[in-house]
Amino acid sequence: MTLSAVGAHPALRRNVAFWQAVLLTGTGAVLGGILGLLGPTMLGLVGLLPFAPPWPQVALLVLGLPVIIAVGSWILTRPAEFEERLQRTLS
């Protein structure tokens, strides 16, 4: 809404939504992957639990999830004209 209020082009709004999704989900996926593997890895190092990390699934989660979310946010970002029409309709 702020970008459309200052007259930003719809392409800029989509790009901002895309990169915001990449940064947020990317950071969350990397931190979640590291912290999720940390506990079982530590238990494996002390010999309490044999643990072999599922690297393909971890890589898919850490790399694939941010890409899917970012593309979805880019596709689903509405053009400014829709919000302007909505505001005129509600007023």
PDB file of N, CA and C in Angstrom:
ATOM      1  N   MET A   1       0.832  -1.190   0.000  1.00  0.00           N
ATOM      2  CA  MET A   1       0.000   0.000   0.000  1.00  0.00           C
ATOM      3  C   MET A   1       0.876   1.253   0.000  1.00  0.00           C
ATOM      4  N   THR A   2       1.967   1.232   0.739  1.00  0.00           N
ATOM      5  CA  THR A   2       2.830   2.404   0.798  1.00  0.00           C
ATOM      6  C   THR A   2       3.473   2.669  -0.552  1.00  0.00           C
ATOM      7  N   LEU A   3       3.961   1.614  -1.185  1.00  0.00           N
ATOM      8  CA  LEU A   3       4.589   1.793  -2.493  1.00  0.00           C
ATOM      9  C   LEU A   3       3.590   2.307  -3.522  1.00  0.00           C
ATOM     10  N   SER A   4       2.362   1.814  -3.486  1.00  0.00           N
ATOM     11  CA  SER A   4       1.373   2.316  -4.439  1.00  0.00           C
ATOM     12  C   SER A   4       0.964   3.748  -4.103  1.00  0.00           C
ATOM     13  N   ALA A   5       0.976   4.102  -2.813  1.00  0.00           N
ATOM     14  CA  ALA A   5       0.606   5.460  -2.416  1.00  0.00           C
ATOM     15  C   ALA A   5       1.617   6.499  -2.903  1.00  0.00           C
ATOM     16  N   VAL A   6       2.883   6.108  -2.991  1.00  0.00           N
ATOM     17  CA  VAL A   6       3.890   7.048  -3.468  1.00  0.00           C
ATOM     18  C   VAL A   6       4.097   6.940  -4.973  1.00  0.00           C
ATOM     19  N   GLY A   7       3.296   6.115  -5.626  1.00  0.00           N
ATOM     20  CA  GLY A   7       3.325   6.047  -7.084  1.00  0.00           C
ATOM     21  C   GLY A   7       4.324   5.073  -7.664  1.00  0.00           C
ATOM     22  N   ALA A   8       4.658   4.032  -6.927  1.00  0.00           N
ATOM     23  CA  ALA A   8       5.619   3.051  -7.432  1.00  0.00           C
ATOM     24  C   ALA A   8       4.990   2.229  -8.558  1.00  0.00           C
ATOM     25  N   HIS A   9       5.794   1.875  -9.514  1.00  0.00           N
ATOM     26  CA  HIS A   9       5.361   1.053 -10.638  1.00  0.00           C
ATOM     27  C   HIS A   9       5.063  -0.364 -10.118  1.00  0.00           C
ATOM     28  N   PRO A  10       4.057  -1.046 -10.698  1.00  0.00           N
ATOM     29  CA  PRO A  10       3.737  -2.405 -10.237  1.00  0.00           C
ATOM     30  C   PRO A  10       4.928  -3.365 -10.284  1.00  0.00           C
ATOM     31  N   ALA A  11       5.836  -3.168 -11.242  1.00  0.00           N
ATOM     32  CA  ALA A  11       7.010  -4.046 -11.304  1.00  0.00           C
ATOM     33  C   ALA A  11       7.898  -3.853 -10.073  1.00  0.00           C
ATOM     34  N   LEU A  12       8.020  -2.626  -9.593  1.00  0.00           N
ATOM     35  CA  LEU A  12       8.799  -2.369  -8.390  1.00  0.00           C
ATOM     36  C   LEU A  12       8.145  -3.026  -7.183  1.00  0.00           C
ATOM     37  N   ARG A  13       6.838  -2.953  -7.101  1.00  0.00           N
ATOM     38  CA  ARG A  13       6.124  -3.569  -5.987  1.00  0.00           C
ATOM     39  C   ARG A  13       6.339  -5.079  -5.985  1.00  0.00           C
ATOM     40  N   ARG A  14       6.297  -5.694  -7.173  1.00  0.00           N
ATOM     41  CA  ARG A  14       6.526  -7.135  -7.250  1.00  0.00           C
ATOM     42  C   ARG A  14       7.951  -7.491  -6.888  1.00  0.00           C
ATOM     43  N   ASN A  15       8.907  -6.691  -7.341  1.00  0.00           N
ATOM     44  CA  ASN A  15      10.307  -6.967  -7.017  1.00  0.00           C
ATOM     45  C   ASN A  15      10.578  -6.830  -5.526  1.00  0.00           C
ATOM     46  N   VAL A  16       9.994  -5.832  -4.899  1.00  0.00           N
ATOM     47  CA  VAL A  16      10.169  -5.656  -3.457  1.00  0.00           C
ATOM     48  C   VAL A  16       9.562  -6.850  -2.709  1.00  0.00           C
ATOM     49  N   ALA A  17       8.375  -7.282  -3.105  1.00  0.00           N
ATOM     50  CA  ALA A  17       7.745  -8.438  -2.462  1.00  0.00           C
ATOM     51  C   ALA A  17       8.587  -9.698  -2.666  1.00  0.00           C
ATOM     52  N   PHE A  18       9.146  -9.865  -3.873  1.00  0.00           N
ATOM     53  CA  PHE A  18       9.973 -11.023  -4.177  1.00  0.00           C
ATOM     54  C   PHE A  18      11.210 -11.064  -3.288  1.00  0.00           C
ATOM     55  N   TRP A  19      11.959  -9.965  -3.227  1.00  0.00           N
ATOM     56  CA  TRP A  19      13.195  -9.960  -2.452  1.00  0.00           C
ATOM     57  C   TRP A  19      12.938  -9.993  -0.955  1.00  0.00           C
ATOM     58  N   GLN A  20      11.837  -9.424  -0.520  1.00  0.00           N
ATOM     59  CA  GLN A  20      11.481  -9.515   0.894  1.00  0.00           C
ATOM     60  C   GLN A  20      11.215 -10.975   1.262  1.00  0.00           C
ATOM     61  N   ALA A  21      10.513 -11.691   0.409  1.00  0.00           N
ATOM     62  CA  ALA A  21      10.241 -13.106   0.656  1.00  0.00           C
ATOM     63  C   ALA A  21      11.526 -13.929   0.620  1.00  0.00           C
ATOM     64  N   VAL A  22      12.429 -13.621  -0.315  1.00  0.00           N
ATOM     65  CA  VAL A  22      13.703 -14.342  -0.392  1.00  0.00           C
ATOM     66  C   VAL A  22      14.500 -14.155   0.894  1.00  0.00           C
ATOM     67  N   LEU A  23      14.616 -12.924   1.347  1.00  0.00           N
ATOM     68  CA  LEU A  23      15.412 -12.659   2.542  1.00  0.00           C
ATOM     69  C   LEU A  23      14.800 -13.270   3.803  1.00  0.00           C
ATOM     70  N   LEU A  24      13.497 -13.112   3.968  1.00  0.00           N
ATOM     71  CA  LEU A  24      12.864 -13.631   5.183  1.00  0.00           C
ATOM     72  C   LEU A  24      12.841 -15.150   5.222  1.00  0.00           C
ATOM     73  N   THR A  25      12.367 -15.779   4.152  1.00  0.00           N
ATOM     74  CA  THR A  25      12.296 -17.243   4.166  1.00  0.00           C
ATOM     75  C   THR A  25      13.677 -17.869   4.042  1.00  0.00           C
ATOM     76  N   GLY A  26      14.584 -17.198   3.331  1.00  0.00           N
ATOM     77  CA  GLY A  26      15.945 -17.720   3.230  1.00  0.00           C
ATOM     78  C   GLY A  26      16.638 -17.741   4.573  1.00  0.00           C
ATOM     79  N   THR A  27      16.527 -16.641   5.301  1.00  0.00           N
ATOM     80  CA  THR A  27      17.129 -16.582   6.634  1.00  0.00           C
ATOM     81  C   THR A  27      16.492 -17.614   7.558  1.00  0.00           C
ATOM     82  N   GLY A  28      15.180 -17.698   7.521  1.00  0.00           N
ATOM     83  CA  GLY A  28      14.489 -18.665   8.374  1.00  0.00           C
ATOM     84  C   GLY A  28      14.820 -20.102   8.022  1.00  0.00           C
ATOM     85  N   ALA A  29      14.927 -20.409   6.731  1.00  0.00           N
ATOM     86  CA  ALA A  29      15.230 -21.782   6.318  1.00  0.00           C
ATOM     87  C   ALA A  29      16.655 -22.165   6.684  1.00  0.00           C
ATOM     88  N   VAL A  30      17.599 -21.250   6.503  1.00  0.00           N
ATOM     89  CA  VAL A  30      18.992 -21.557   6.844  1.00  0.00           C
ATOM     90  C   VAL A  30      19.143 -21.741   8.356  1.00  0.00           C
ATOM     91  N   LEU A  31      18.608 -20.812   9.122  1.00  0.00           N
ATOM     92  CA  LEU A  31      18.699 -20.931  10.582  1.00  0.00           C
ATOM     93  C   LEU A  31      17.948 -22.160  11.090  1.00  0.00           C
ATOM     94  N   GLY A  32      16.779 -22.416  10.538  1.00  0.00           N
ATOM     95  CA  GLY A  32      16.013 -23.594  10.942  1.00  0.00           C
ATOM     96  C   GLY A  32      16.719 -24.884  10.580  1.00  0.00           C
ATOM     97  N   GLY A  33      17.338 -24.918   9.403  1.00  0.00           N
ATOM     98  CA  GLY A  33      18.083 -26.118   9.012  1.00  0.00           C
ATOM     99  C   GLY A  33      19.269 -26.369   9.918  1.00  0.00           C
ATOM    100  N   ILE A  34      20.010 -25.310  10.227  1.00  0.00           N
ATOM    101  CA  ILE A  34      21.173 -25.451  11.110  1.00  0.00           C
ATOM    102  C   ILE A  34      20.746 -25.893  12.506  1.00  0.00           C
ATOM    103  N   LEU A  35      19.760 -25.210  13.063  1.00  0.00           N
ATOM    104  CA  LEU A  35      19.326 -25.538  14.417  1.00  0.00           C
ATOM    105  C   LEU A  35      18.619 -26.888  14.484  1.00  0.00           C
ATOM    106  N   GLY A  36      17.929 -27.251  13.410  1.00  0.00           N
ATOM    107  CA  GLY A  36      17.272 -28.550  13.382  1.00  0.00           C
ATOM    108  C   GLY A  36      18.242 -29.714  13.312  1.00  0.00           C
ATOM    109  N   LEU A  37      19.391 -29.503  12.681  1.00  0.00           N
ATOM    110  CA  LEU A  37      20.400 -30.559  12.596  1.00  0.00           C
ATOM    111  C   LEU A  37      21.356 -30.560  13.781  1.00  0.00           C
ATOM    112  N   LEU A  38      21.387 -29.473  14.526  1.00  0.00           N
ATOM    113  CA  LEU A  38      22.358 -29.332  15.607  1.00  0.00           C
ATOM    114  C   LEU A  38      22.140 -30.353  16.726  1.00  0.00           C
ATOM    115  N   GLY A  39      20.921 -30.499  17.181  1.00  0.00           N
ATOM    116  CA  GLY A  39      20.636 -31.424  18.289  1.00  0.00           C
ATOM    117  C   GLY A  39      20.966 -32.870  17.962  1.00  0.00           C
ATOM    118  N   PRO A  40      20.405 -33.429  16.883  1.00  0.00           N
ATOM    119  CA  PRO A  40      20.740 -34.819  16.551  1.00  0.00           C
ATOM    120  C   PRO A  40      22.225 -35.027  16.250  1.00  0.00           C
ATOM    121  N   THR A  41      22.876 -34.020  15.657  1.00  0.00           N
ATOM    122  CA  THR A  41      24.304 -34.140  15.373  1.00  0.00           C
ATOM    123  C   THR A  41      25.102 -34.206  16.672  1.00  0.00           C
ATOM    124  N   MET A  42      24.757 -33.381  17.631  1.00  0.00           N
ATOM    125  CA  MET A  42      25.450 -33.410  18.920  1.00  0.00           C
ATOM    126  C   MET A  42      25.226 -34.744  19.626  1.00  0.00           C
ATOM    127  N   LEU A  43      24.012 -35.279  19.566  1.00  0.00           N
ATOM    128  CA  LEU A  43      23.747 -36.581  20.174  1.00  0.00           C
ATOM    129  C   LEU A  43      24.529 -37.681  19.456  1.00  0.00           C
ATOM    130  N   GLY A  44      24.701 -37.535  18.154  1.00  0.00           N
ATOM    131  CA  GLY A  44      25.484 -38.508  17.404  1.00  0.00           C
ATOM    132  C   GLY A  44      26.961 -38.435  17.740  1.00  0.00           C
ATOM    133  N   LEU A  45      27.454 -37.220  17.987  1.00  0.00           N
ATOM    134  CA  LEU A  45      28.870 -37.072  18.321  1.00  0.00           C
ATOM    135  C   LEU A  45      29.216 -37.676  19.682  1.00  0.00           C
ATOM    136  N   VAL A  46      28.260 -37.598  20.623  1.00  0.00           N
ATOM    137  CA  VAL A  46      28.530 -38.166  21.935  1.00  0.00           C
ATOM    138  C   VAL A  46      28.261 -39.657  21.967  1.00  0.00           C
ATOM    139  N   GLY A  47      27.697 -40.194  20.907  1.00  0.00           N
ATOM    140  CA  GLY A  47      27.474 -41.637  20.816  1.00  0.00           C
ATOM    141  C   GLY A  47      26.133 -42.091  21.349  1.00  0.00           C
ATOM    142  N   LEU A  48      25.241 -41.181  21.676  1.00  0.00           N
ATOM    143  CA  LEU A  48      23.935 -41.577  22.207  1.00  0.00           C
ATOM    144  C   LEU A  48      22.947 -41.970  21.110  1.00  0.00           C
ATOM    145  N   LEU A  49      23.158 -41.459  19.918  1.00  0.00           N
ATOM    146  CA  LEU A  49      22.197 -41.699  18.842  1.00  0.00           C
ATOM    147  C   LEU A  49      22.940 -41.700  17.510  1.00  0.00           C
ATOM    148  N   PRO A  50      22.848 -42.780  16.763  1.00  0.00           N
ATOM    149  CA  PRO A  50      23.469 -42.739  15.430  1.00  0.00           C
ATOM    150  C   PRO A  50      22.656 -41.828  14.517  1.00  0.00           C
ATOM    151  N   PHE A  51      23.330 -40.894  13.877  1.00  0.00           N
ATOM    152  CA  PHE A  51      22.599 -39.910  13.072  1.00  0.00           C
ATOM    153  C   PHE A  51      23.335 -39.664  11.767  1.00  0.00           C
ATOM    154  N   ALA A  52      22.618 -39.820  10.671  1.00  0.00           N
ATOM    155  CA  ALA A  52      23.128 -39.478   9.341  1.00  0.00           C
ATOM    156  C   ALA A  52      22.187 -38.424   8.777  1.00  0.00           C
ATOM    157  N   PRO A  53      22.656 -37.190   8.628  1.00  0.00           N
ATOM    158  CA  PRO A  53      21.765 -36.116   8.154  1.00  0.00           C
ATOM    159  C   PRO A  53      21.202 -36.416   6.760  1.00  0.00           C
ATOM    160  N   PRO A  54      19.926 -36.165   6.573  1.00  0.00           N
ATOM    161  CA  PRO A  54      19.307 -36.360   5.250  1.00  0.00           C
ATOM    162  C   PRO A  54      19.614 -35.161   4.349  1.00  0.00           C
ATOM    163  N   TRP A  55      20.812 -35.117   3.784  1.00  0.00           N
ATOM    164  CA  TRP A  55      21.271 -33.941   3.049  1.00  0.00           C
ATOM    165  C   TRP A  55      20.398 -33.547   1.872  1.00  0.00           C
ATOM    166  N   PRO A  56      19.881 -34.467   1.055  1.00  0.00           N
ATOM    167  CA  PRO A  56      19.023 -34.016  -0.062  1.00  0.00           C
ATOM    168  C   PRO A  56      17.760 -33.292   0.428  1.00  0.00           C
ATOM    169  N   GLN A  57      17.144 -33.808   1.487  1.00  0.00           N
ATOM    170  CA  GLN A  57      15.932 -33.177   2.009  1.00  0.00           C
ATOM    171  C   GLN A  57      16.256 -31.824   2.656  1.00  0.00           C
ATOM    172  N   VAL A  58      17.368 -31.748   3.355  1.00  0.00           N
ATOM    173  CA  VAL A  58      17.767 -30.477   3.972  1.00  0.00           C
ATOM    174  C   VAL A  58      18.055 -29.440   2.890  1.00  0.00           C
ATOM    175  N   ALA A  59      18.775 -29.851   1.850  1.00  0.00           N
ATOM    176  CA  ALA A  59      19.080 -28.927   0.753  1.00  0.00           C
ATOM    177  C   ALA A  59      17.809 -28.470   0.055  1.00  0.00           C
ATOM    178  N   LEU A  60      16.882 -29.394  -0.154  1.00  0.00           N
ATOM    179  CA  LEU A  60      15.612 -29.022  -0.782  1.00  0.00           C
ATOM    180  C   LEU A  60      14.846 -28.030   0.073  1.00  0.00           C
ATOM    181  N   LEU A  61      14.845 -28.248   1.369  1.00  0.00           N
ATOM    182  CA  LEU A  61      14.147 -27.331   2.278  1.00  0.00           C
ATOM    183  C   LEU A  61      14.820 -25.966   2.317  1.00  0.00           C
ATOM    184  N   VAL A  62      16.147 -25.947   2.446  1.00  0.00           N
ATOM    185  CA  VAL A  62      16.860 -24.684   2.596  1.00  0.00           C
ATOM    186  C   VAL A  62      16.881 -23.889   1.292  1.00  0.00           C
ATOM    187  N   LEU A  63      16.961 -24.563   0.154  1.00  0.00           N
ATOM    188  CA  LEU A  63      17.027 -23.854  -1.123  1.00  0.00           C
ATOM    189  C   LEU A  63      15.665 -23.740  -1.812  1.00  0.00           C
ATOM    190  N   GLY A  64      14.872 -24.788  -1.741  1.00  0.00           N
ATOM    191  CA  GLY A  64      13.607 -24.813  -2.473  1.00  0.00           C
ATOM    192  C   GLY A  64      12.504 -23.977  -1.857  1.00  0.00           C
ATOM    193  N   LEU A  65      12.391 -24.026  -0.547  1.00  0.00           N
ATOM    194  CA  LEU A  65      11.317 -23.287   0.127  1.00  0.00           C
ATOM    195  C   LEU A  65      11.384 -21.784  -0.128  1.00  0.00           C
ATOM    196  N   PRO A  66      12.547 -21.133   0.030  1.00  0.00           N
ATOM    197  CA  PRO A  66      12.585 -19.691  -0.262  1.00  0.00           C
ATOM    198  C   PRO A  66      12.252 -19.371  -1.722  1.00  0.00           C
ATOM    199  N   VAL A  67      12.670 -20.209  -2.637  1.00  0.00           N
ATOM    200  CA  VAL A  67      12.378 -19.960  -4.054  1.00  0.00           C
ATOM    201  C   VAL A  67      10.881 -20.069  -4.314  1.00  0.00           C
ATOM    202  N   ILE A  68      10.249 -21.092  -3.776  1.00  0.00           N
ATOM    203  CA  ILE A  68       8.805 -21.277  -3.977  1.00  0.00           C
ATOM    204  C   ILE A  68       8.024 -20.112  -3.367  1.00  0.00           C
ATOM    205  N   ILE A  69       8.360 -19.722  -2.160  1.00  0.00           N
ATOM    206  CA  ILE A  69       7.672 -18.616  -1.491  1.00  0.00           C
ATOM    207  C   ILE A  69       7.893 -17.301  -2.243  1.00  0.00           C
ATOM    208  N   ALA A  70       9.122 -17.058  -2.703  1.00  0.00           N
ATOM    209  CA  ALA A  70       9.424 -15.813  -3.410  1.00  0.00           C
ATOM    210  C   ALA A  70       8.677 -15.735  -4.740  1.00  0.00           C
ATOM    211  N   VAL A  71       8.649 -16.825  -5.482  1.00  0.00           N
ATOM    212  CA  VAL A  71       7.921 -16.822  -6.756  1.00  0.00           C
ATOM    213  C   VAL A  71       6.424 -16.640  -6.502  1.00  0.00           C
ATOM    214  N   GLY A  72       5.916 -17.285  -5.459  1.00  0.00           N
ATOM    215  CA  GLY A  72       4.505 -17.100  -5.110  1.00  0.00           C
ATOM    216  C   GLY A  72       4.179 -15.673  -4.735  1.00  0.00           C
ATOM    217  N   SER A  73       5.048 -15.026  -3.987  1.00  0.00           N
ATOM    218  CA  SER A  73       4.790 -13.630  -3.614  1.00  0.00           C
ATOM    219  C   SER A  73       4.877 -12.721  -4.835  1.00  0.00           C
ATOM    220  N   TRP A  74       5.775 -13.031  -5.766  1.00  0.00           N
ATOM    221  CA  TRP A  74       5.894 -12.223  -6.982  1.00  0.00           C
ATOM    222  C   TRP A  74       4.636 -12.371  -7.837  1.00  0.00           C
ATOM    223  N   ILE A  75       4.117 -13.577  -7.931  1.00  0.00           N
ATOM    224  CA  ILE A  75       2.929 -13.824  -8.749  1.00  0.00           C
ATOM    225  C   ILE A  75       1.683 -13.218  -8.111  1.00  0.00           C
ATOM    226  N   LEU A  76       1.572 -13.306  -6.792  1.00  0.00           N
ATOM    227  CA  LEU A  76       0.345 -12.897  -6.109  1.00  0.00           C
ATOM    228  C   LEU A  76       0.295 -11.432  -5.698  1.00  0.00           C
ATOM    229  N   THR A  77       1.354 -10.669  -5.962  1.00  0.00           N
ATOM    230  CA  THR A  77       1.319  -9.241  -5.643  1.00  0.00           C
ATOM    231  C   THR A  77       0.370  -8.546  -6.613  1.00  0.00           C
ATOM    232  N   ARG A  78      -0.618  -7.890  -6.055  1.00  0.00           N
ATOM    233  CA  ARG A  78      -1.646  -7.258  -6.892  1.00  0.00           C
ATOM    234  C   ARG A  78      -1.150  -5.942  -7.473  1.00  0.00           C
ATOM    235  N   PRO A  79      -1.632  -5.606  -8.654  1.00  0.00           N
ATOM    236  CA  PRO A  79      -1.279  -4.294  -9.206  1.00  0.00           C
ATOM    237  C   PRO A  79      -1.929  -3.164  -8.407  1.00  0.00           C
ATOM    238  N   ALA A  80      -1.337  -1.987  -8.476  1.00  0.00           N
ATOM    239  CA  ALA A  80      -1.823  -0.840  -7.709  1.00  0.00           C
ATOM    240  C   ALA A  80      -3.243  -0.455  -8.112  1.00  0.00           C
ATOM    241  N   GLU A  81      -3.595  -0.669  -9.363  1.00  0.00           N
ATOM    242  CA  GLU A  81      -4.922  -0.275  -9.826  1.00  0.00           C
ATOM    243  C   GLU A  81      -6.014  -1.019  -9.063  1.00  0.00           C
ATOM    244  N   PHE A  82      -5.767  -2.279  -8.718  1.00  0.00           N
ATOM    245  CA  PHE A  82      -6.760  -3.058  -7.988  1.00  0.00           C
ATOM    246  C   PHE A  82      -7.023  -2.432  -6.624  1.00  0.00           C
ATOM    247  N   GLU A  83      -5.964  -2.046  -5.917  1.00  0.00           N
ATOM    248  CA  GLU A  83      -6.132  -1.458  -4.593  1.00  0.00           C
ATOM    249  C   GLU A  83      -6.810  -0.099  -4.668  1.00  0.00           C
ATOM    250  N   GLU A  84      -6.502   0.674  -5.711  1.00  0.00           N
ATOM    251  CA  GLU A  84      -7.161   1.967  -5.865  1.00  0.00           C
ATOM    252  C   GLU A  84      -8.651   1.778  -6.115  1.00  0.00           C
ATOM    253  N   ARG A  85      -8.999   0.808  -6.953  1.00  0.00           N
ATOM    254  CA  ARG A  85     -10.431   0.531  -7.198  1.00  0.00           C
ATOM    255  C   ARG A  85     -11.112   0.046  -5.937  1.00  0.00           C
ATOM    256  N   LEU A  86     -10.408  -0.778  -5.150  1.00  0.00           N
ATOM    257  CA  LEU A  86     -10.976  -1.274  -3.899  1.00  0.00           C
ATOM    258  C   LEU A  86     -11.227  -0.130  -2.925  1.00  0.00           C
ATOM    259  N   GLN A  87     -10.280   0.798  -2.815  1.00  0.00           N
ATOM    260  CA  GLN A  87     -10.457   1.935  -1.912  1.00  0.00           C
ATOM    261  C   GLN A  87     -11.628   2.818  -2.370  1.00  0.00           C
ATOM    262  N   ARG A  88     -11.760   3.021  -3.696  1.00  0.00           N
ATOM    263  CA  ARG A  88     -12.893   3.832  -4.192  1.00  0.00           C
ATOM    264  C   ARG A  88     -14.213   3.129  -3.924  1.00  0.00           C
ATOM    265  N   THR A  89     -14.214   1.803  -4.019  1.00  0.00           N
ATOM    266  CA  THR A  89     -15.441   1.051  -3.792  1.00  0.00           C
ATOM    267  C   THR A  89     -15.835   1.107  -2.331  1.00  0.00           C
ATOM    268  N   LEU A  90     -14.860   1.003  -1.433  1.00  0.00           N
ATOM    269  CA  LEU A  90     -15.164   1.003  -0.003  1.00  0.00           C
ATOM    270  C   LEU A  90     -15.481   2.383   0.536  1.00  0.00           C
ATOM    271  N   SER A  91     -15.052   3.436  -0.146  1.00  0.00           N
ATOM    272  CA  SER A  91     -15.296   4.799   0.334  1.00  0.00           C
ATOM    273  C   SER A  91     -16.697   5.270   0.049  1.00  0.00           C
TER     274      SER A  91
END
